[in-house]
Every structure is written in structure tokens, then in C-alpha cells.
Amino acid sequence: MLAVLGILALLTAATVPALQGMSRSGRTAAIGQIMGLFDQARSLALAQGRPVYVVIADRTVGGEQACRAIGIYQEQEDTSLSPALTSRWHVLPVGCRFLDDAGTPSLLTAPQSDAEAPRFVLPGESASRALPYLKFNPTGGVDHPAQSLWTRLFLSARQGNADIPADQISIARFTGRPKCESAQ
């Protein structure tokens, strides 16, 4: 019995570092995906000469996409029409999510009622389903949100029942370039 318990303890000890490595690699993949989407949206705004919106699914979305999905919408030439989704929504790897409770201002914590931080209403949806967003202007800069402390996102990965420290992705207001600061 002691030998079996000893073997189980060794297997458990060998598994923990492997799981930590998986969460780091998942976070690295998620960071690359997010930064690539921001670059794609900025490039689209520059190339088409029309505003582009990066929309983040928050907790109001519910389900698997809550705090894990990003959609890119572009204003159409006919501005009376709603912005159009440029491709499918992108979902972060399993175990990764945007923190909306990081205790510091971010794109997900911008107040809904503040005139500085209105929400993006999805085409065909009611205003009650409005989501946080970042708006690139035709010169590649950020028009929305107006305050720089809301042009960042915090990313975390789940390990057991806890979030491991978050990475911060900031988007420069004038250039629209994303930058990541790792917590580890």
C-alpha cells in the first residue's frame, strides 16, 4: 500500500510542472492570437480607410465565449448600415480568459453608462447586449475608448480553481500598436 501511494505521489509531482507548462503555452498562444487580431484590425482600418471595431465578449454573453471571444467589425461604405463582422469570432484557448475583475481599469471594466465608454451594440441585437470595444480610426490610431487606461486588457489562465497572474496587453492610442507585459 505504501509503495502504491509513493508511486502516486511521484506521478502527481511529475504532472504539476507539465500542467504549469501547458498553461504558460496556452497563455502564450492566446497573447499571440490577441495581438495578431489587434494588428489585423488596425491594418484593415488603414487599408480600407474606415473605422474598425475590436469587440470583446464580456460576462453578459454567457457560456463558453464569456470573457474569451473577440470579434472584428468594420464600418461599411454606407454608414447607415451597421458595421459588418469581418470574419468569425475568435475564441481564446481553453483555460485562458480576459479578466474583468483585475481590480484596475481596463477595456472590460469601463463603465457602461459613462459617455466616455459607451458599448458596441451587435448588429441585430438590442442595446442590452452591448459589449466593450476598441475602435481603430482610418489612420490606425485608437478613437475609442477615449481614456488610455481603458485601452488595455488583462489575460489570465486557470490553474485548478485559481487564475494565475495576468498578462497585460496595452494598445497605444496614437499608433494603435499592441504591446504585452508579462506577469511572469
C-alpha atoms as a PDB file:
ATOM      1  CA  MET A   1       0.000   0.000   0.000  1.00  0.00           C
ATOM      2  CA  LEU A   2       2.820   2.415   0.824  1.00  0.00           C
ATOM      3  CA  ALA A   3       4.541   1.596  -2.465  1.00  0.00           C
ATOM      4  CA  VAL A   4       1.370   2.418  -4.417  1.00  0.00           C
ATOM      5  CA  LEU A   5       0.958   5.691  -2.524  1.00  0.00           C
ATOM      6  CA  GLY A   6       4.618   6.521  -3.203  1.00  0.00           C
ATOM      7  CA  ILE A   7       4.186   5.888  -6.943  1.00  0.00           C
ATOM      8  CA  LEU A   8       1.037   8.064  -7.000  1.00  0.00           C
ATOM      9  CA  ALA A   9       2.903  10.862  -5.202  1.00  0.00           C
ATOM     10  CA  LEU A  10       5.728  10.682  -7.773  1.00  0.00           C
ATOM     11  CA  LEU A  11       3.272  10.771 -10.682  1.00  0.00           C
ATOM     12  CA  THR A  12       1.465  13.749  -9.143  1.00  0.00           C
ATOM     13  CA  ALA A  13       4.741  15.590  -8.602  1.00  0.00           C
ATOM     14  CA  ALA A  14       5.736  14.951 -12.217  1.00  0.00           C
ATOM     15  CA  THR A  15       2.345  16.096 -13.546  1.00  0.00           C
ATOM     16  CA  VAL A  16       2.191  19.525 -11.831  1.00  0.00           C
ATOM     17  CA  PRO A  17       5.120  21.100 -13.782  1.00  0.00           C
ATOM     18  CA  ALA A  18       3.719  19.708 -17.029  1.00  0.00           C
ATOM     19  CA  LEU A  19       0.329  21.304 -16.332  1.00  0.00           C
ATOM     20  CA  GLN A  20       2.001  24.626 -15.488  1.00  0.00           C
ATOM     21  CA  GLY A  21       3.888  24.458 -18.783  1.00  0.00           C
ATOM     22  CA  MET A  22       0.618  23.836 -20.609  1.00  0.00           C
ATOM     23  CA  SER A  23      -0.996  26.887 -19.012  1.00  0.00           C
ATOM     24  CA  ARG A  24       2.025  29.048 -19.954  1.00  0.00           C
ATOM     25  CA  SER A  25       1.953  27.778 -23.534  1.00  0.00           C
ATOM     26  CA  GLY A  26      -1.815  28.382 -23.672  1.00  0.00           C
ATOM     27  CA  ARG A  27      -1.292  31.935 -22.442  1.00  0.00           C
ATOM     28  CA  THR A  28       1.492  32.462 -24.967  1.00  0.00           C
ATOM     29  CA  ALA A  29      -0.777  31.238 -27.778  1.00  0.00           C
ATOM     30  CA  ALA A  30      -3.616  33.451 -26.541  1.00  0.00           C
ATOM     31  CA  ILE A  31      -1.347  36.513 -26.368  1.00  0.00           C
ATOM     32  CA  GLY A  32      -0.134  35.882 -29.917  1.00  0.00           C
ATOM     33  CA  GLN A  33      -3.726  35.438 -31.104  1.00  0.00           C
ATOM     34  CA  ILE A  34      -4.925  38.650 -29.405  1.00  0.00           C
ATOM     35  CA  MET A  35      -2.030  40.763 -30.613  1.00  0.00           C
ATOM     36  CA  GLY A  36      -2.478  39.379 -34.135  1.00  0.00           C
ATOM     37  CA  LEU A  37      -6.179  40.299 -34.080  1.00  0.00           C
ATOM     38  CA  PHE A  38      -5.405  43.847 -32.945  1.00  0.00           C
ATOM     39  CA  ASP A  39      -2.795  44.161 -35.703  1.00  0.00           C
ATOM     40  CA  GLN A  40      -5.280  42.758 -38.235  1.00  0.00           C
ATOM     41  CA  ALA A  41      -7.961  45.259 -37.180  1.00  0.00           C
ATOM     42  CA  ARG A  42      -5.520  48.181 -37.303  1.00  0.00           C
ATOM     43  CA  SER A  43      -4.268  47.131 -40.753  1.00  0.00           C
ATOM     44  CA  LEU A  44      -7.826  46.790 -42.019  1.00  0.00           C
ATOM     45  CA  ALA A  45      -8.670  50.318 -40.825  1.00  0.00           C
ATOM     46  CA  LEU A  46      -5.566  51.673 -42.578  1.00  0.00           C
ATOM     47  CA  ALA A  47      -6.153  49.745 -45.804  1.00  0.00           C
ATOM     48  CA  GLN A  48      -9.874  50.437 -46.143  1.00  0.00           C
ATOM     49  CA  GLY A  49      -9.878  53.976 -44.742  1.00  0.00           C
ATOM     50  CA  ARG A  50     -12.843  53.152 -42.488  1.00  0.00           C
ATOM     51  CA  PRO A  51     -13.139  52.601 -38.732  1.00  0.00           C
ATOM     52  CA  VAL A  52     -12.719  49.058 -37.408  1.00  0.00           C
ATOM     53  CA  TYR A  53     -14.008  47.785 -34.070  1.00  0.00           C
ATOM     54  CA  VAL A  54     -12.464  45.054 -31.920  1.00  0.00           C
ATOM     55  CA  VAL A  55     -15.364  43.784 -29.798  1.00  0.00           C
ATOM     56  CA  ILE A  56     -14.773  41.720 -26.650  1.00  0.00           C
ATOM     57  CA  ALA A  57     -17.334  39.258 -25.276  1.00  0.00           C
ATOM     58  CA  ASP A  58     -17.841  40.055 -21.606  1.00  0.00           C
ATOM     59  CA  ARG A  59     -19.788  38.151 -18.926  1.00  0.00           C
ATOM     60  CA  THR A  60     -23.132  39.257 -20.375  1.00  0.00           C
ATOM     61  CA  VAL A  61     -22.538  36.928 -23.345  1.00  0.00           C
ATOM     62  CA  GLY A  62     -22.586  33.859 -21.114  1.00  0.00           C
ATOM     63  CA  GLY A  63     -21.476  30.360 -21.995  1.00  0.00           C
ATOM     64  CA  GLU A  64     -18.085  29.363 -23.345  1.00  0.00           C
ATOM     65  CA  GLN A  65     -17.442  32.695 -25.091  1.00  0.00           C
ATOM     66  CA  ALA A  66     -17.846  34.874 -21.973  1.00  0.00           C
ATOM     67  CA  CYS A  67     -14.613  36.847 -21.474  1.00  0.00           C
ATOM     68  CA  ARG A  68     -12.931  34.624 -24.095  1.00  0.00           C
ATOM     69  CA  ALA A  69     -14.060  35.782 -27.544  1.00  0.00           C
ATOM     70  CA  ILE A  70     -13.083  38.623 -29.892  1.00  0.00           C
ATOM     71  CA  GLY A  71     -14.923  39.830 -32.977  1.00  0.00           C
ATOM     72  CA  ILE A  72     -13.726  42.346 -35.555  1.00  0.00           C
ATOM     73  CA  TYR A  73     -16.326  44.592 -37.193  1.00  0.00           C
ATOM     74  CA  GLN A  74     -15.800  47.223 -39.870  1.00  0.00           C
ATOM     75  CA  GLU A  75     -17.928  50.209 -40.766  1.00  0.00           C
ATOM     76  CA  GLN A  76     -19.462  49.802 -44.188  1.00  0.00           C
ATOM     77  CA  GLU A  77     -19.191  52.330 -47.008  1.00  0.00           C
ATOM     78  CA  ASP A  78     -22.870  53.051 -46.484  1.00  0.00           C
ATOM     79  CA  THR A  79     -22.662  54.372 -42.919  1.00  0.00           C
ATOM     80  CA  SER A  80     -26.435  53.977 -42.463  1.00  0.00           C
ATOM     81  CA  LEU A  81     -25.780  50.215 -42.270  1.00  0.00           C
ATOM     82  CA  SER A  82     -24.480  48.504 -39.133  1.00  0.00           C
ATOM     83  CA  PRO A  83     -20.802  47.576 -39.022  1.00  0.00           C
ATOM     84  CA  ALA A  84     -20.129  44.153 -40.577  1.00  0.00           C
ATOM     85  CA  LEU A  85     -18.304  41.232 -38.973  1.00  0.00           C
ATOM     86  CA  THR A  86     -15.092  40.726 -40.981  1.00  0.00           C
ATOM     87  CA  SER A  87     -14.608  37.052 -40.041  1.00  0.00           C
ATOM     88  CA  ARG A  88     -15.786  34.598 -37.430  1.00  0.00           C
ATOM     89  CA  TRP A  89     -15.461  35.360 -33.707  1.00  0.00           C
ATOM     90  CA  HIS A  90     -12.126  34.140 -32.310  1.00  0.00           C
ATOM     91  CA  VAL A  91     -12.166  32.221 -29.019  1.00  0.00           C
ATOM     92  CA  LEU A  92      -9.134  32.038 -26.727  1.00  0.00           C
ATOM     93  CA  PRO A  93      -7.599  28.631 -25.903  1.00  0.00           C
ATOM     94  CA  VAL A  94      -9.300  26.625 -23.161  1.00  0.00           C
ATOM     95  CA  GLY A  95      -8.277  27.888 -19.722  1.00  0.00           C
ATOM     96  CA  CYS A  96      -7.466  31.429 -20.914  1.00  0.00           C
ATOM     97  CA  ARG A  97      -9.798  34.370 -20.387  1.00  0.00           C
ATOM     98  CA  PHE A  98      -9.902  38.138 -20.140  1.00  0.00           C
ATOM     99  CA  LEU A  99     -10.065  39.353 -16.570  1.00  0.00           C
ATOM    100  CA  ASP A 100     -12.953  41.645 -15.871  1.00  0.00           C
ATOM    101  CA  ASP A 101     -12.196  41.724 -12.161  1.00  0.00           C
ATOM    102  CA  ALA A 102      -8.484  42.609 -12.212  1.00  0.00           C
ATOM    103  CA  GLY A 103      -9.087  45.493  -9.793  1.00  0.00           C
ATOM    104  CA  THR A 104      -7.731  48.044 -12.258  1.00  0.00           C
ATOM    105  CA  PRO A 105      -9.331  49.891 -15.209  1.00  0.00           C
ATOM    106  CA  SER A 106      -9.413  48.005 -18.499  1.00  0.00           C
ATOM    107  CA  LEU A 107     -11.486  47.652 -21.651  1.00  0.00           C
ATOM    108  CA  LEU A 108     -13.783  45.199 -19.829  1.00  0.00           C
ATOM    109  CA  THR A 109     -14.231  47.360 -16.722  1.00  0.00           C
ATOM    110  CA  ALA A 110     -15.071  50.641 -18.479  1.00  0.00           C
ATOM    111  CA  PRO A 111     -18.410  51.868 -17.113  1.00  0.00           C
ATOM    112  CA  GLN A 112     -21.369  51.134 -19.362  1.00  0.00           C
ATOM    113  CA  SER A 113     -23.201  54.369 -18.593  1.00  0.00           C
ATOM    114  CA  ASP A 114     -20.225  56.727 -18.922  1.00  0.00           C
ATOM    115  CA  ALA A 115     -20.347  58.910 -22.042  1.00  0.00           C
ATOM    116  CA  GLU A 116     -16.619  58.236 -22.467  1.00  0.00           C
ATOM    117  CA  ALA A 117     -17.173  54.488 -22.634  1.00  0.00           C
ATOM    118  CA  PRO A 118     -20.358  53.503 -24.464  1.00  0.00           C
ATOM    119  CA  ARG A 119     -20.710  49.889 -25.529  1.00  0.00           C
ATOM    120  CA  PHE A 120     -20.837  48.314 -29.002  1.00  0.00           C
ATOM    121  CA  VAL A 121     -24.310  47.128 -29.949  1.00  0.00           C
ATOM    122  CA  LEU A 122     -24.061  43.997 -32.061  1.00  0.00           C
ATOM    123  CA  PRO A 123     -25.938  44.250 -35.383  1.00  0.00           C
ATOM    124  CA  GLY A 124     -29.447  42.902 -34.949  1.00  0.00           C
ATOM    125  CA  GLU A 125     -29.243  42.968 -31.139  1.00  0.00           C
ATOM    126  CA  SER A 126     -30.789  45.255 -28.535  1.00  0.00           C
ATOM    127  CA  ALA A 127     -28.774  47.773 -26.545  1.00  0.00           C
ATOM    128  CA  SER A 128     -28.972  45.400 -23.566  1.00  0.00           C
ATOM    129  CA  ARG A 129     -26.482  43.134 -25.393  1.00  0.00           C
ATOM    130  CA  ALA A 130     -23.906  45.916 -25.887  1.00  0.00           C
ATOM    131  CA  LEU A 131     -20.262  44.860 -25.452  1.00  0.00           C
ATOM    132  CA  PRO A 132     -16.952  46.609 -24.703  1.00  0.00           C
ATOM    133  CA  TYR A 133     -14.907  47.526 -27.775  1.00  0.00           C
ATOM    134  CA  LEU A 134     -11.865  49.309 -29.120  1.00  0.00           C
ATOM    135  CA  LYS A 135     -12.224  51.467 -32.243  1.00  0.00           C
ATOM    136  CA  PHE A 136      -9.376  51.980 -34.716  1.00  0.00           C
ATOM    137  CA  ASN A 137      -9.653  55.081 -36.896  1.00  0.00           C
ATOM    138  CA  PRO A 138      -8.602  55.202 -40.587  1.00  0.00           C
ATOM    139  CA  THR A 139      -5.095  56.388 -39.583  1.00  0.00           C
ATOM    140  CA  GLY A 140      -4.545  53.330 -37.375  1.00  0.00           C
ATOM    141  CA  GLY A 141      -4.907  55.164 -34.061  1.00  0.00           C
ATOM    142  CA  VAL A 142      -7.449  54.450 -31.328  1.00  0.00           C
ATOM    143  CA  ASP A 143     -10.573  56.640 -31.215  1.00  0.00           C
ATOM    144  CA  HIS A 144     -12.344  54.665 -28.507  1.00  0.00           C
ATOM    145  CA  PRO A 145     -12.083  54.372 -25.570  1.00  0.00           C
ATOM    146  CA  ALA A 146     -11.107  57.987 -25.020  1.00  0.00           C
ATOM    147  CA  GLN A 147      -9.059  57.318 -21.878  1.00  0.00           C
ATOM    148  CA  SER A 148      -5.799  55.383 -22.170  1.00  0.00           C
ATOM    149  CA  LEU A 149      -6.368  53.322 -19.031  1.00  0.00           C
ATOM    150  CA  TRP A 150      -9.275  51.627 -20.796  1.00  0.00           C
ATOM    151  CA  THR A 151      -7.172  50.633 -23.846  1.00  0.00           C
ATOM    152  CA  ARG A 152      -5.771  47.565 -22.124  1.00  0.00           C
ATOM    153  CA  LEU A 153      -6.816  44.021 -21.414  1.00  0.00           C
ATOM    154  CA  PHE A 154      -5.687  41.593 -18.762  1.00  0.00           C
ATOM    155  CA  LEU A 155      -5.315  37.917 -19.652  1.00  0.00           C
ATOM    156  CA  SER A 156      -5.160  35.011 -17.236  1.00  0.00           C
ATOM    157  CA  ALA A 157      -5.114  31.242 -17.336  1.00  0.00           C
ATOM    158  CA  ARG A 158      -6.953  28.920 -14.966  1.00  0.00           C
ATOM    159  CA  GLN A 159      -4.932  26.556 -12.857  1.00  0.00           C
ATOM    160  CA  GLY A 160      -7.243  24.420 -10.790  1.00  0.00           C
ATOM    161  CA  ASN A 161      -9.769  26.839  -9.289  1.00  0.00           C
ATOM    162  CA  ALA A 162      -7.496  29.897  -9.396  1.00  0.00           C
ATOM    163  CA  ASP A 163      -6.367  32.382 -12.015  1.00  0.00           C
ATOM    164  CA  ILE A 164      -2.607  32.584 -12.420  1.00  0.00           C
ATOM    165  CA  PRO A 165      -1.197  36.131 -12.735  1.00  0.00           C
ATOM    166  CA  ALA A 166      -2.456  38.139 -15.653  1.00  0.00           C
ATOM    167  CA  ASP A 167      -0.571  39.454 -18.652  1.00  0.00           C
ATOM    168  CA  GLN A 168      -1.422  42.988 -19.696  1.00  0.00           C
ATOM    169  CA  ILE A 169      -1.990  43.867 -23.336  1.00  0.00           C
ATOM    170  CA  SER A 170      -2.000  47.610 -23.970  1.00  0.00           C
ATOM    171  CA  ILE A 171      -2.871  49.348 -27.206  1.00  0.00           C
ATOM    172  CA  ALA A 172      -1.108  52.653 -27.913  1.00  0.00           C
ATOM    173  CA  ARG A 173      -3.634  55.435 -28.564  1.00  0.00           C
ATOM    174  CA  PHE A 174      -1.844  57.201 -31.427  1.00  0.00           C
ATOM    175  CA  THR A 175      -0.200  54.305 -33.243  1.00  0.00           C
ATOM    176  CA  GLY A 176      -2.706  51.546 -32.423  1.00  0.00           C
ATOM    177  CA  ARG A 177       0.136  49.084 -31.807  1.00  0.00           C
ATOM    178  CA  PRO A 178      -0.419  46.352 -29.198  1.00  0.00           C
ATOM    179  CA  LYS A 179       2.188  45.620 -26.533  1.00  0.00           C
ATOM    180  CA  CYS A 180       2.270  42.810 -23.964  1.00  0.00           C
ATOM    181  CA  GLU A 181       3.701  42.987 -20.461  1.00  0.00           C
ATOM    182  CA  SER A 182       4.005  39.541 -18.927  1.00  0.00           C
ATOM    183  CA  ALA A 183       3.243  38.972 -15.267  1.00  0.00           C
ATOM    184  CA  GLN A 184       5.790  36.141 -15.070  1.00  0.00           C
END
